[in-house]
Structure formats: C-alpha cells, structure tokens
C-alpha cells in the first residue's frame, strides 16, 4: 500500500509467468479510504482474491477469458464472473465468520499445492485444482479457525443431496482432510474437523466390482496365447504383453506401456522391472511413491 493525496492505494505485481494472461504487469487500485485499519482490511481481501485467481490460472482451472474478466472485476470492485456451472458443482454453504482471523482455507490449499505439486503429473494437478476450487467455493473460503465439525457435516450432506455417490463425496472429504491436516502441521489450525467424516459405501452387492477369480484369470491367459500370433501378425505386440505384465506385476497400464529396455535389470540375480520417470522426458508416474522396483517371481 502507499498513500497518494491522503488516500491509500493498492499496488501488486502480477507473477511473471502470468503476465501474458492479463496483458499487464501489476494491479493498481485506489482503496478509497484514509483510515489505516480500513485500508489493511481491503488490502487483505484483495490479496486473497488475487492469490486464488493466480492459483487457478497456474492450474488451468479457469480460461484466459474468465481470468481476464475476474481481474477486471477485482480492480473495479464488482462481483467476479464464475466458471460455467457443472452438474458436480457442490451447493455452497456459508460458515459464519467469527472475530478470529489467521489464515483462510484457500491459503492452506495454496501452501499445500506449492509444496506437493512438483511431484504431480499434469493430469493430477488439473484434477486436484478442480476439486480444491469446488471445495473452497462450496465452503465460501472460510477462516481456518472457523471450520468446525457441524459445518463440514452440513457440507457433506449437501454433497450427498446432489446425488453424488459415496465414493465421490469421500474423495472430496479426504482431500479436504489432507489439507486441514497439513494446515495443522503449520500451526494454522488446531485439530482436524474433517477426520473420519466419510460416508459408508451404499453400493448394492451386484454393483460392486470384484477381482477376477483364478479360473477367470486362466481363461484370459489361455485366450492371450490363442491370440498371440494374430497380435504379432498385425505388429501389435503390446496387446499380448501388457495384459501379462499387468497380471504378474499389478502395475498400472500406463506405467507398463512406457517401459524401455533400460528399465529391465538384474538385482542380485533376480530379473526386475523398475517403474520410474527417469531417463525419458515422455515418461510419467502418478507420484513419487510410484517409483519402485518389481522383482520377477517366475521360476526358470
């Protein structure tokens, strides 16, 4: 902030990686007040709005048109345009703010993402960004100190009322719980009101996907042997080998599809497959914990 003609003004630089979206290098705005406390309150609100916008832009959660419209609305003090509503957009609930301040939910999300997003794939980052954005909007971006169990129970019930399956609701709650747990480690909040808030899976028995039985796996294996020559004749060797590798390793199909000869090694005389993103810029893994070496259990 700075004072000009006895009135407080706001000025903030736009991150260099986002300048091209807004065609400007900074945001400037008169706060229309001469009172320091009022100026600080307005400044904090602007900081929060801009941080949320910058985060959404980095995660590709908003289009360039929406981003430009939002920053114009922030500068002129107008309601921000929202992204088009979707069928899975949670109904918004409002947590009544208290006199306690500190950090908002969006601050915790930003801090968590900055620490962990380096290990995310582009697909994971976009998925998480969309969910975080919906949770922040669904809870009206409350102060962390104001989030309590009853409010989150109400939020869970709202999600359930929108005909979301228990698995989807639990995914939202688990991601929220992870962020709140992280905020607790930063001493921004005490406890985790989202812990253990999930719903019981109400799938009918006939809707639950079961693992293949041993006889079914044998049928698949035999069918592959019958189709092997056909696959080789049309130069689709992967159609034969990927199912077999999947059965023997339990690895994800995209992990197996990107294997190279360099990923096959001999560890203490045991043939092994290494799942990694190293050695090829085109390789991707879901997260850091996905890096692993899988020994062969086949006997010669």
C-alpha atoms as a PDB file:
ATOM      1  CA  UNK A   1       0.000   0.000   0.000  1.00  0.00           C
ATOM      2  CA  UNK A   2       1.009   3.617  -0.445  1.00  0.00           C
ATOM      3  CA  UNK A   3      -0.617   6.982   0.234  1.00  0.00           C
ATOM      4  CA  UNK A   4      -1.420   9.424  -2.534  1.00  0.00           C
ATOM      5  CA  UNK A   5      -3.391  12.619  -1.954  1.00  0.00           C
ATOM      6  CA  UNK A   6      -4.099  11.446   1.616  1.00  0.00           C
ATOM      7  CA  UNK A   7      -5.787   8.272   0.302  1.00  0.00           C
ATOM      8  CA  UNK A   8      -4.475   4.711   0.472  1.00  0.00           C
ATOM      9  CA  UNK A   9      -3.728   2.950  -2.803  1.00  0.00           C
ATOM     10  CA  UNK A  10      -3.029  -0.700  -3.537  1.00  0.00           C
ATOM     11  CA  UNK A  11      -0.335  -1.979  -5.871  1.00  0.00           C
ATOM     12  CA  UNK A  12       0.679  -5.562  -6.558  1.00  0.00           C
ATOM     13  CA  UNK A  13       2.911  -7.096  -9.198  1.00  0.00           C
ATOM     14  CA  UNK A  14       1.477  -9.902 -11.336  1.00  0.00           C
ATOM     15  CA  UNK A  15       3.721 -13.012 -11.328  1.00  0.00           C
ATOM     16  CA  UNK A  16       5.970 -13.058 -14.391  1.00  0.00           C
ATOM     17  CA  UNK A  17       4.580 -16.411 -15.588  1.00  0.00           C
ATOM     18  CA  UNK A  18       1.035 -14.981 -15.692  1.00  0.00           C
ATOM     19  CA  UNK A  19       1.657 -11.537 -17.231  1.00  0.00           C
ATOM     20  CA  UNK A  20       0.727 -12.845 -20.704  1.00  0.00           C
ATOM     21  CA  UNK A  21      -2.783 -13.725 -19.461  1.00  0.00           C
ATOM     22  CA  UNK A  22      -3.607 -10.260 -18.163  1.00  0.00           C
ATOM     23  CA  UNK A  23      -1.600  -8.034 -20.545  1.00  0.00           C
ATOM     24  CA  UNK A  24      -0.355  -6.059 -17.566  1.00  0.00           C
ATOM     25  CA  UNK A  25       2.484  -6.333 -15.070  1.00  0.00           C
ATOM     26  CA  UNK A  26       0.714  -5.034 -11.974  1.00  0.00           C
ATOM     27  CA  UNK A  27      -2.626  -4.397 -10.343  1.00  0.00           C
ATOM     28  CA  UNK A  28      -3.273  -0.876  -9.036  1.00  0.00           C
ATOM     29  CA  UNK A  29      -6.374   0.362  -7.282  1.00  0.00           C
ATOM     30  CA  UNK A  30      -7.463   3.186  -5.015  1.00  0.00           C
ATOM     31  CA  UNK A  31      -8.757   1.872  -1.692  1.00  0.00           C
ATOM     32  CA  UNK A  32     -10.915   4.999  -1.271  1.00  0.00           C
ATOM     33  CA  UNK A  33     -10.102   5.394   2.389  1.00  0.00           C
ATOM     34  CA  UNK A  34      -7.828   7.463   4.593  1.00  0.00           C
ATOM     35  CA  UNK A  35      -8.156   5.132   7.560  1.00  0.00           C
ATOM     36  CA  UNK A  36      -5.243   2.679   8.026  1.00  0.00           C
ATOM     37  CA  UNK A  37      -7.356  -0.133   9.511  1.00  0.00           C
ATOM     38  CA  UNK A  38      -9.895   0.008   6.686  1.00  0.00           C
ATOM     39  CA  UNK A  39      -7.077   0.083   4.136  1.00  0.00           C
ATOM     40  CA  UNK A  40      -5.449  -3.029   5.624  1.00  0.00           C
ATOM     41  CA  UNK A  41      -8.767  -4.887   5.632  1.00  0.00           C
ATOM     42  CA  UNK A  42      -9.391  -4.097   1.955  1.00  0.00           C
ATOM     43  CA  UNK A  43      -5.796  -4.937   1.067  1.00  0.00           C
ATOM     44  CA  UNK A  44      -6.091  -8.361   2.710  1.00  0.00           C
ATOM     45  CA  UNK A  45      -9.277  -9.079   0.797  1.00  0.00           C
ATOM     46  CA  UNK A  46      -7.619  -8.100  -2.495  1.00  0.00           C
ATOM     47  CA  UNK A  47      -4.588 -10.254  -1.683  1.00  0.00           C
ATOM     48  CA  UNK A  48      -6.849 -13.258  -1.065  1.00  0.00           C
ATOM     49  CA  UNK A  49      -8.811 -12.740  -4.287  1.00  0.00           C
ATOM     50  CA  UNK A  50      -5.684 -12.339  -6.392  1.00  0.00           C
ATOM     51  CA  UNK A  51      -3.928 -15.332  -4.813  1.00  0.00           C
ATOM     52  CA  UNK A  52      -6.947 -17.509  -5.589  1.00  0.00           C
ATOM     53  CA  UNK A  53      -7.020 -16.217  -9.165  1.00  0.00           C
ATOM     54  CA  UNK A  54      -3.280 -16.737  -9.718  1.00  0.00           C
ATOM     55  CA  UNK A  55      -3.501 -20.265  -8.297  1.00  0.00           C
ATOM     56  CA  UNK A  56      -6.453 -21.129 -10.562  1.00  0.00           C
ATOM     57  CA  UNK A  57      -4.553 -19.791 -13.597  1.00  0.00           C
ATOM     58  CA  UNK A  58      -1.466 -21.856 -12.811  1.00  0.00           C
ATOM     59  CA  UNK A  59      -3.585 -24.993 -12.506  1.00  0.00           C
ATOM     60  CA  UNK A  60      -5.541 -24.247 -15.726  1.00  0.00           C
ATOM     61  CA  UNK A  61      -8.752 -24.213 -13.677  1.00  0.00           C
ATOM     62  CA  UNK A  62     -10.076 -21.106 -15.494  1.00  0.00           C
ATOM     63  CA  UNK A  63      -9.962 -19.996 -19.118  1.00  0.00           C
ATOM     64  CA  UNK A  64      -7.952 -16.932 -20.150  1.00  0.00           C
ATOM     65  CA  UNK A  65     -11.202 -15.048 -20.814  1.00  0.00           C
ATOM     66  CA  UNK A  66     -12.530 -15.798 -17.323  1.00  0.00           C
ATOM     67  CA  UNK A  67      -9.156 -14.881 -15.776  1.00  0.00           C
ATOM     68  CA  UNK A  68      -9.127 -11.503 -17.510  1.00  0.00           C
ATOM     69  CA  UNK A  69     -12.748 -10.831 -16.541  1.00  0.00           C
ATOM     70  CA  UNK A  70     -12.048 -11.766 -12.898  1.00  0.00           C
ATOM     71  CA  UNK A  71      -9.077  -9.430 -12.531  1.00  0.00           C
ATOM     72  CA  UNK A  72     -11.099  -6.581 -14.050  1.00  0.00           C
ATOM     73  CA  UNK A  73     -13.888  -7.307 -11.559  1.00  0.00           C
ATOM     74  CA  UNK A  74     -11.396  -7.309  -8.667  1.00  0.00           C
ATOM     75  CA  UNK A  75      -9.941  -3.965  -9.754  1.00  0.00           C
ATOM     76  CA  UNK A  76     -13.369  -2.358 -10.137  1.00  0.00           C
ATOM     77  CA  UNK A  77     -14.903  -3.959  -7.038  1.00  0.00           C
ATOM     78  CA  UNK A  78     -17.512  -5.904  -8.979  1.00  0.00           C
ATOM     79  CA  UNK A  79     -18.791  -9.484  -8.477  1.00  0.00           C
ATOM     80  CA  UNK A  80     -16.383 -11.928 -10.068  1.00  0.00           C
ATOM     81  CA  UNK A  81     -17.658 -13.959 -13.037  1.00  0.00           C
ATOM     82  CA  UNK A  82     -17.808 -17.641 -12.295  1.00  0.00           C
ATOM     83  CA  UNK A  83     -16.920 -20.579 -14.476  1.00  0.00           C
ATOM     84  CA  UNK A  84     -19.965 -22.214 -16.069  1.00  0.00           C
ATOM     85  CA  UNK A  85     -21.773 -24.385 -13.505  1.00  0.00           C
ATOM     86  CA  UNK A  86     -21.469 -28.144 -13.855  1.00  0.00           C
ATOM     87  CA  UNK A  87     -23.609 -30.962 -12.558  1.00  0.00           C
ATOM     88  CA  UNK A  88     -20.964 -31.858  -9.990  1.00  0.00           C
ATOM     89  CA  UNK A  89     -20.623 -28.341  -8.577  1.00  0.00           C
ATOM     90  CA  UNK A  90     -21.326 -28.565  -4.824  1.00  0.00           C
ATOM     91  CA  UNK A  91     -24.054 -26.418  -3.334  1.00  0.00           C
ATOM     92  CA  UNK A  92     -22.480 -23.581  -1.396  1.00  0.00           C
ATOM     93  CA  UNK A  93     -22.741 -23.327   2.360  1.00  0.00           C
ATOM     94  CA  UNK A  94     -21.620 -20.359   4.424  1.00  0.00           C
ATOM     95  CA  UNK A  95     -19.590 -20.708   7.603  1.00  0.00           C
ATOM     96  CA  UNK A  96     -20.386 -17.703   9.793  1.00  0.00           C
ATOM     97  CA  UNK A  97     -17.109 -15.832  10.421  1.00  0.00           C
ATOM     98  CA  UNK A  98     -16.040 -15.055  13.956  1.00  0.00           C
ATOM     99  CA  UNK A  99     -13.659 -12.404  15.223  1.00  0.00           C
ATOM    100  CA  UNK A 100     -10.820 -14.891  14.852  1.00  0.00           C
ATOM    101  CA  UNK A 101      -8.769 -14.434  11.700  1.00  0.00           C
ATOM    102  CA  UNK A 102      -5.444 -16.004  10.786  1.00  0.00           C
ATOM    103  CA  UNK A 103      -5.427 -17.985   7.515  1.00  0.00           C
ATOM    104  CA  UNK A 104      -8.210 -18.920   5.128  1.00  0.00           C
ATOM    105  CA  UNK A 105      -8.874 -22.323   3.595  1.00  0.00           C
ATOM    106  CA  UNK A 106      -7.534 -21.029   0.262  1.00  0.00           C
ATOM    107  CA  UNK A 107      -4.239 -20.131   1.989  1.00  0.00           C
ATOM    108  CA  UNK A 108      -3.889 -23.724   3.210  1.00  0.00           C
ATOM    109  CA  UNK A 109      -4.681 -25.087  -0.264  1.00  0.00           C
ATOM    110  CA  UNK A 110      -2.109 -22.786  -1.876  1.00  0.00           C
ATOM    111  CA  UNK A 111       0.574 -23.716   0.663  1.00  0.00           C
ATOM    112  CA  UNK A 112      -0.133 -27.443   0.270  1.00  0.00           C
ATOM    113  CA  UNK A 113      -0.048 -27.257  -3.538  1.00  0.00           C
ATOM    114  CA  UNK A 114       3.191 -25.277  -3.622  1.00  0.00           C
ATOM    115  CA  UNK A 115       4.894 -27.947  -1.517  1.00  0.00           C
ATOM    116  CA  UNK A 116       3.499 -31.005  -3.303  1.00  0.00           C
ATOM    117  CA  UNK A 117       2.661 -30.087  -6.905  1.00  0.00           C
ATOM    118  CA  UNK A 118       6.239 -30.681  -8.132  1.00  0.00           C
ATOM    119  CA  UNK A 119       5.546 -34.405  -7.761  1.00  0.00           C
ATOM    120  CA  UNK A 120       2.173 -34.317  -9.551  1.00  0.00           C
ATOM    121  CA  UNK A 121       1.548 -35.126 -13.179  1.00  0.00           C
ATOM    122  CA  UNK A 122      -0.313 -32.535 -15.269  1.00  0.00           C
ATOM    123  CA  UNK A 123      -3.437 -34.700 -15.108  1.00  0.00           C
ATOM    124  CA  UNK A 124      -3.257 -34.975 -11.312  1.00  0.00           C
ATOM    125  CA  UNK A 125      -2.644 -31.244 -10.918  1.00  0.00           C
ATOM    126  CA  UNK A 126      -5.684 -30.372 -13.027  1.00  0.00           C
ATOM    127  CA  UNK A 127      -7.891 -32.862 -11.180  1.00  0.00           C
ATOM    128  CA  UNK A 128      -6.821 -31.631  -7.744  1.00  0.00           C
ATOM    129  CA  UNK A 129      -7.115 -27.993  -8.796  1.00  0.00           C
ATOM    130  CA  UNK A 130     -10.712 -28.507  -9.890  1.00  0.00           C
ATOM    131  CA  UNK A 131     -11.624 -30.265  -6.638  1.00  0.00           C
ATOM    132  CA  UNK A 132      -9.860 -27.651  -4.478  1.00  0.00           C
ATOM    133  CA  UNK A 133     -11.662 -24.860  -6.317  1.00  0.00           C
ATOM    134  CA  UNK A 134     -15.049 -26.526  -5.726  1.00  0.00           C
ATOM    135  CA  UNK A 135     -14.304 -27.132  -2.038  1.00  0.00           C
ATOM    136  CA  UNK A 136     -13.201 -23.524  -1.488  1.00  0.00           C
ATOM    137  CA  UNK A 137     -16.327 -22.220  -3.219  1.00  0.00           C
ATOM    138  CA  UNK A 138     -18.544 -24.801  -1.551  1.00  0.00           C
ATOM    139  CA  UNK A 139     -17.385 -23.686   1.913  1.00  0.00           C
ATOM    140  CA  UNK A 140     -17.204 -19.975   0.940  1.00  0.00           C
ATOM    141  CA  UNK A 141     -13.438 -19.891   1.645  1.00  0.00           C
ATOM    142  CA  UNK A 142     -13.772 -19.656   5.462  1.00  0.00           C
ATOM    143  CA  UNK A 143     -11.148 -18.735   8.034  1.00  0.00           C
ATOM    144  CA  UNK A 144      -9.482 -21.956   9.116  1.00  0.00           C
ATOM    145  CA  UNK A 145     -10.232 -21.218  12.772  1.00  0.00           C
ATOM    146  CA  UNK A 146     -13.969 -21.061  11.955  1.00  0.00           C
ATOM    147  CA  UNK A 147     -14.152 -24.514  10.344  1.00  0.00           C
ATOM    148  CA  UNK A 148     -15.816 -26.951  12.721  1.00  0.00           C
ATOM    149  CA  UNK A 149     -17.330 -30.417  12.567  1.00  0.00           C
ATOM    150  CA  UNK A 150     -21.003 -29.362  12.261  1.00  0.00           C
ATOM    151  CA  UNK A 151     -20.180 -27.131   9.254  1.00  0.00           C
ATOM    152  CA  UNK A 152     -18.357 -29.964   7.496  1.00  0.00           C
ATOM    153  CA  UNK A 153     -21.182 -32.395   8.268  1.00  0.00           C
ATOM    154  CA  UNK A 154     -23.550 -29.908   6.602  1.00  0.00           C
ATOM    155  CA  UNK A 155     -21.196 -29.693   3.605  1.00  0.00           C
ATOM    156  CA  UNK A 156     -21.022 -33.485   3.367  1.00  0.00           C
ATOM    157  CA  UNK A 157     -24.808 -33.700   3.479  1.00  0.00           C
ATOM    158  CA  UNK A 158     -25.100 -31.098   0.706  1.00  0.00           C
ATOM    159  CA  UNK A 159     -22.806 -33.149  -1.486  1.00  0.00           C
ATOM    160  CA  UNK A 160     -24.869 -36.256  -0.771  1.00  0.00           C
ATOM    161  CA  UNK A 161     -28.126 -34.452  -1.597  1.00  0.00           C
ATOM    162  CA  UNK A 162     -26.775 -33.726  -5.083  1.00  0.00           C
ATOM    163  CA  UNK A 163     -26.855 -37.468  -5.800  1.00  0.00           C
ATOM    164  CA  UNK A 164     -23.093 -37.770  -5.636  1.00  0.00           C
ATOM    165  CA  UNK A 165     -22.008 -41.316  -4.915  1.00  0.00           C
ATOM    166  CA  UNK A 166     -20.428 -42.023  -1.547  1.00  0.00           C
ATOM    167  CA  UNK A 167     -17.089 -42.648  -3.255  1.00  0.00           C
ATOM    168  CA  UNK A 168     -17.110 -39.151  -4.788  1.00  0.00           C
ATOM    169  CA  UNK A 169     -18.192 -37.488  -1.545  1.00  0.00           C
ATOM    170  CA  UNK A 170     -15.461 -39.333   0.341  1.00  0.00           C
ATOM    171  CA  UNK A 171     -12.893 -38.225  -2.218  1.00  0.00           C
ATOM    172  CA  UNK A 172     -13.797 -34.568  -1.578  1.00  0.00           C
ATOM    173  CA  UNK A 173     -13.699 -35.087   2.188  1.00  0.00           C
ATOM    174  CA  UNK A 174     -10.394 -36.970   2.076  1.00  0.00           C
ATOM    175  CA  UNK A 175      -8.737 -34.211   0.050  1.00  0.00           C
ATOM    176  CA  UNK A 176     -10.131 -31.587   2.433  1.00  0.00           C
ATOM    177  CA  UNK A 177      -8.914 -33.598   5.420  1.00  0.00           C
ATOM    178  CA  UNK A 178      -5.424 -33.810   3.909  1.00  0.00           C
ATOM    179  CA  UNK A 179      -5.249 -30.022   3.503  1.00  0.00           C
ATOM    180  CA  UNK A 180      -6.533 -29.393   7.038  1.00  0.00           C
ATOM    181  CA  UNK A 181      -4.026 -31.880   8.441  1.00  0.00           C
ATOM    182  CA  UNK A 182      -1.291 -30.005   6.581  1.00  0.00           C
ATOM    183  CA  UNK A 183      -2.576 -26.696   7.989  1.00  0.00           C
ATOM    184  CA  UNK A 184      -2.347 -28.254  11.440  1.00  0.00           C
ATOM    185  CA  UNK A 185       1.319 -29.031  10.880  1.00  0.00           C
ATOM    186  CA  UNK A 186       1.817 -25.357  10.051  1.00  0.00           C
ATOM    187  CA  UNK A 187       0.036 -24.433  13.315  1.00  0.00           C
ATOM    188  CA  UNK A 188      -2.669 -22.603  11.369  1.00  0.00           C
ATOM    189  CA  UNK A 189      -5.424 -24.719  12.910  1.00  0.00           C
ATOM    190  CA  UNK A 190      -5.844 -26.974  15.917  1.00  0.00           C
ATOM    191  CA  UNK A 191      -7.113 -30.477  15.208  1.00  0.00           C
ATOM    192  CA  UNK A 192      -8.710 -31.737  12.013  1.00  0.00           C
ATOM    193  CA  UNK A 193     -12.528 -31.446  11.938  1.00  0.00           C
ATOM    194  CA  UNK A 194     -12.672 -33.402   8.664  1.00  0.00           C
ATOM    195  CA  UNK A 195     -11.011 -36.516  10.073  1.00  0.00           C
ATOM    196  CA  UNK A 196     -13.146 -39.640   9.676  1.00  0.00           C
ATOM    197  CA  UNK A 197     -16.042 -37.774   8.098  1.00  0.00           C
ATOM    198  CA  UNK A 198     -16.539 -40.176   5.181  1.00  0.00           C
ATOM    199  CA  UNK A 199     -19.752 -41.931   4.216  1.00  0.00           C
ATOM    200  CA  UNK A 200     -20.323 -45.655   4.151  1.00  0.00           C
ATOM    201  CA  UNK A 201     -20.373 -47.103   0.640  1.00  0.00           C
ATOM    202  CA  UNK A 202     -24.013 -47.851  -0.196  1.00  0.00           C
ATOM    203  CA  UNK A 203     -23.353 -49.840  -3.370  1.00  0.00           C
ATOM    204  CA  UNK A 204     -25.597 -52.849  -3.830  1.00  0.00           C
ATOM    205  CA  UNK A 205     -23.794 -56.163  -3.893  1.00  0.00           C
ATOM    206  CA  UNK A 206     -24.409 -56.548  -7.636  1.00  0.00           C
ATOM    207  CA  UNK A 207     -22.844 -53.110  -8.307  1.00  0.00           C
ATOM    208  CA  UNK A 208     -19.551 -53.824  -6.570  1.00  0.00           C
ATOM    209  CA  UNK A 209     -16.694 -54.733  -8.888  1.00  0.00           C
ATOM    210  CA  UNK A 210     -14.997 -57.924  -7.761  1.00  0.00           C
ATOM    211  CA  UNK A 211     -11.499 -59.125  -8.569  1.00  0.00           C
ATOM    212  CA  UNK A 212     -11.099 -61.832 -11.202  1.00  0.00           C
ATOM    213  CA  UNK A 213     -11.154 -65.352  -9.837  1.00  0.00           C
ATOM    214  CA  UNK A 214      -8.267 -67.728 -10.540  1.00  0.00           C
ATOM    215  CA  UNK A 215     -10.279 -69.677 -13.176  1.00  0.00           C
ATOM    216  CA  UNK A 216     -11.167 -66.385 -14.902  1.00  0.00           C
ATOM    217  CA  UNK A 217      -7.501 -65.332 -14.977  1.00  0.00           C
ATOM    218  CA  UNK A 218      -6.575 -68.688 -16.506  1.00  0.00           C
ATOM    219  CA  UNK A 219      -9.195 -68.175 -19.222  1.00  0.00           C
ATOM    220  CA  UNK A 220      -7.733 -64.749 -20.030  1.00  0.00           C
ATOM    221  CA  UNK A 221      -4.216 -66.199 -20.105  1.00  0.00           C
ATOM    222  CA  UNK A 222      -5.233 -69.012 -22.462  1.00  0.00           C
ATOM    223  CA  UNK A 223      -7.116 -66.580 -24.723  1.00  0.00           C
ATOM    224  CA  UNK A 224      -3.965 -64.453 -24.985  1.00  0.00           C
ATOM    225  CA  UNK A 225      -1.954 -67.467 -26.096  1.00  0.00           C
ATOM    226  CA  UNK A 226      -4.526 -68.211 -28.783  1.00  0.00           C
ATOM    227  CA  UNK A 227      -4.443 -64.573 -29.980  1.00  0.00           C
ATOM    228  CA  UNK A 228      -0.660 -64.128 -29.789  1.00  0.00           C
ATOM    229  CA  UNK A 229       0.034 -64.894 -33.453  1.00  0.00           C
ATOM    230  CA  UNK A 230      -2.742 -62.545 -34.563  1.00  0.00           C
ATOM    231  CA  UNK A 231      -1.327 -59.703 -32.479  1.00  0.00           C
ATOM    232  CA  UNK A 232       2.190 -60.321 -33.818  1.00  0.00           C
ATOM    233  CA  UNK A 233       0.980 -60.530 -37.440  1.00  0.00           C
ATOM    234  CA  UNK A 234      -0.507 -57.012 -37.191  1.00  0.00           C
ATOM    235  CA  UNK A 235       2.513 -55.696 -35.255  1.00  0.00           C
ATOM    236  CA  UNK A 236       0.586 -55.135 -32.015  1.00  0.00           C
ATOM    237  CA  UNK A 237       2.874 -56.982 -29.628  1.00  0.00           C
ATOM    238  CA  UNK A 238       1.719 -54.793 -26.728  1.00  0.00           C
ATOM    239  CA  UNK A 239      -1.759 -56.346 -26.858  1.00  0.00           C
ATOM    240  CA  UNK A 240      -0.180 -59.622 -25.850  1.00  0.00           C
ATOM    241  CA  UNK A 241       2.437 -58.428 -23.361  1.00  0.00           C
ATOM    242  CA  UNK A 242       0.637 -55.653 -21.429  1.00  0.00           C
ATOM    243  CA  UNK A 243      -2.093 -57.936 -20.004  1.00  0.00           C
ATOM    244  CA  UNK A 244       0.560 -60.472 -18.976  1.00  0.00           C
ATOM    245  CA  UNK A 245       2.763 -57.854 -17.346  1.00  0.00           C
ATOM    246  CA  UNK A 246      -0.299 -56.444 -15.597  1.00  0.00           C
ATOM    247  CA  UNK A 247      -1.221 -59.853 -14.184  1.00  0.00           C
ATOM    248  CA  UNK A 248       2.288 -60.561 -12.937  1.00  0.00           C
ATOM    249  CA  UNK A 249       3.223 -57.108 -11.611  1.00  0.00           C
ATOM    250  CA  UNK A 250      -0.019 -55.345 -10.666  1.00  0.00           C
ATOM    251  CA  UNK A 251       1.417 -52.164 -12.234  1.00  0.00           C
ATOM    252  CA  UNK A 252      -0.744 -49.518 -13.900  1.00  0.00           C
ATOM    253  CA  UNK A 253      -1.163 -49.912 -17.653  1.00  0.00           C
ATOM    254  CA  UNK A 254       0.411 -46.507 -18.395  1.00  0.00           C
ATOM    255  CA  UNK A 255       3.429 -47.478 -16.269  1.00  0.00           C
ATOM    256  CA  UNK A 256       3.901 -50.678 -18.259  1.00  0.00           C
ATOM    257  CA  UNK A 257       3.273 -49.029 -21.632  1.00  0.00           C
ATOM    258  CA  UNK A 258       6.228 -46.654 -21.150  1.00  0.00           C
ATOM    259  CA  UNK A 259       8.773 -49.297 -20.139  1.00  0.00           C
ATOM    260  CA  UNK A 260      12.058 -49.410 -22.038  1.00  0.00           C
ATOM    261  CA  UNK A 261      14.873 -51.944 -22.137  1.00  0.00           C
ATOM    262  CA  UNK A 262      16.789 -49.774 -19.652  1.00  0.00           C
ATOM    263  CA  UNK A 263      14.027 -50.414 -17.090  1.00  0.00           C
ATOM    264  CA  UNK A 264      14.766 -54.159 -17.046  1.00  0.00           C
ATOM    265  CA  UNK A 265      17.607 -55.059 -14.717  1.00  0.00           C
ATOM    266  CA  UNK A 266      19.156 -57.894 -12.744  1.00  0.00           C
ATOM    267  CA  UNK A 267      19.023 -57.279  -8.995  1.00  0.00           C
ATOM    268  CA  UNK A 268      21.033 -59.921  -7.103  1.00  0.00           C
ATOM    269  CA  UNK A 269      20.410 -62.418  -9.906  1.00  0.00           C
ATOM    270  CA  UNK A 270      16.676 -61.643  -9.822  1.00  0.00           C
ATOM    271  CA  UNK A 271      15.211 -60.150 -13.034  1.00  0.00           C
ATOM    272  CA  UNK A 272      13.398 -56.932 -12.089  1.00  0.00           C
ATOM    273  CA  UNK A 273      11.321 -54.157 -13.640  1.00  0.00           C
ATOM    274  CA  UNK A 274      11.891 -50.579 -12.489  1.00  0.00           C
ATOM    275  CA  UNK A 275       8.946 -48.169 -12.613  1.00  0.00           C
ATOM    276  CA  UNK A 276      10.399 -44.664 -12.958  1.00  0.00           C
ATOM    277  CA  UNK A 277      10.102 -41.407 -14.881  1.00  0.00           C
ATOM    278  CA  UNK A 278      13.871 -41.069 -15.187  1.00  0.00           C
ATOM    279  CA  UNK A 279      15.705 -41.391 -18.479  1.00  0.00           C
ATOM    280  CA  UNK A 280      12.920 -40.136 -20.758  1.00  0.00           C
ATOM    281  CA  UNK A 281      11.094 -36.790 -20.728  1.00  0.00           C
ATOM    282  CA  UNK A 282       7.963 -38.503 -22.053  1.00  0.00           C
ATOM    283  CA  UNK A 283       7.679 -40.829 -19.051  1.00  0.00           C
ATOM    284  CA  UNK A 284       5.200 -40.028 -16.295  1.00  0.00           C
ATOM    285  CA  UNK A 285       4.328 -41.609 -12.962  1.00  0.00           C
ATOM    286  CA  UNK A 286       1.427 -40.787 -10.688  1.00  0.00           C
ATOM    287  CA  UNK A 287       3.520 -39.571  -7.736  1.00  0.00           C
ATOM    288  CA  UNK A 288       6.890 -40.038  -6.031  1.00  0.00           C
ATOM    289  CA  UNK A 289       5.742 -43.139  -4.158  1.00  0.00           C
ATOM    290  CA  UNK A 290       5.043 -44.801  -7.528  1.00  0.00           C
ATOM    291  CA  UNK A 291       8.786 -45.175  -8.135  1.00  0.00           C
ATOM    292  CA  UNK A 292       9.575 -48.800  -7.383  1.00  0.00           C
ATOM    293  CA  UNK A 293      11.380 -51.925  -8.483  1.00  0.00           C
ATOM    294  CA  UNK A 294       9.302 -55.048  -9.051  1.00  0.00           C
ATOM    295  CA  UNK A 295      11.173 -58.376  -8.810  1.00  0.00           C
ATOM    296  CA  UNK A 296      10.201 -61.288 -11.007  1.00  0.00           C
ATOM    297  CA  UNK A 297       8.651 -64.229  -9.174  1.00  0.00           C
ATOM    298  CA  UNK A 298       8.755 -66.500 -12.187  1.00  0.00           C
ATOM    299  CA  UNK A 299      10.851 -69.600 -11.998  1.00  0.00           C
ATOM    300  CA  UNK A 300      13.055 -70.593 -14.903  1.00  0.00           C
END
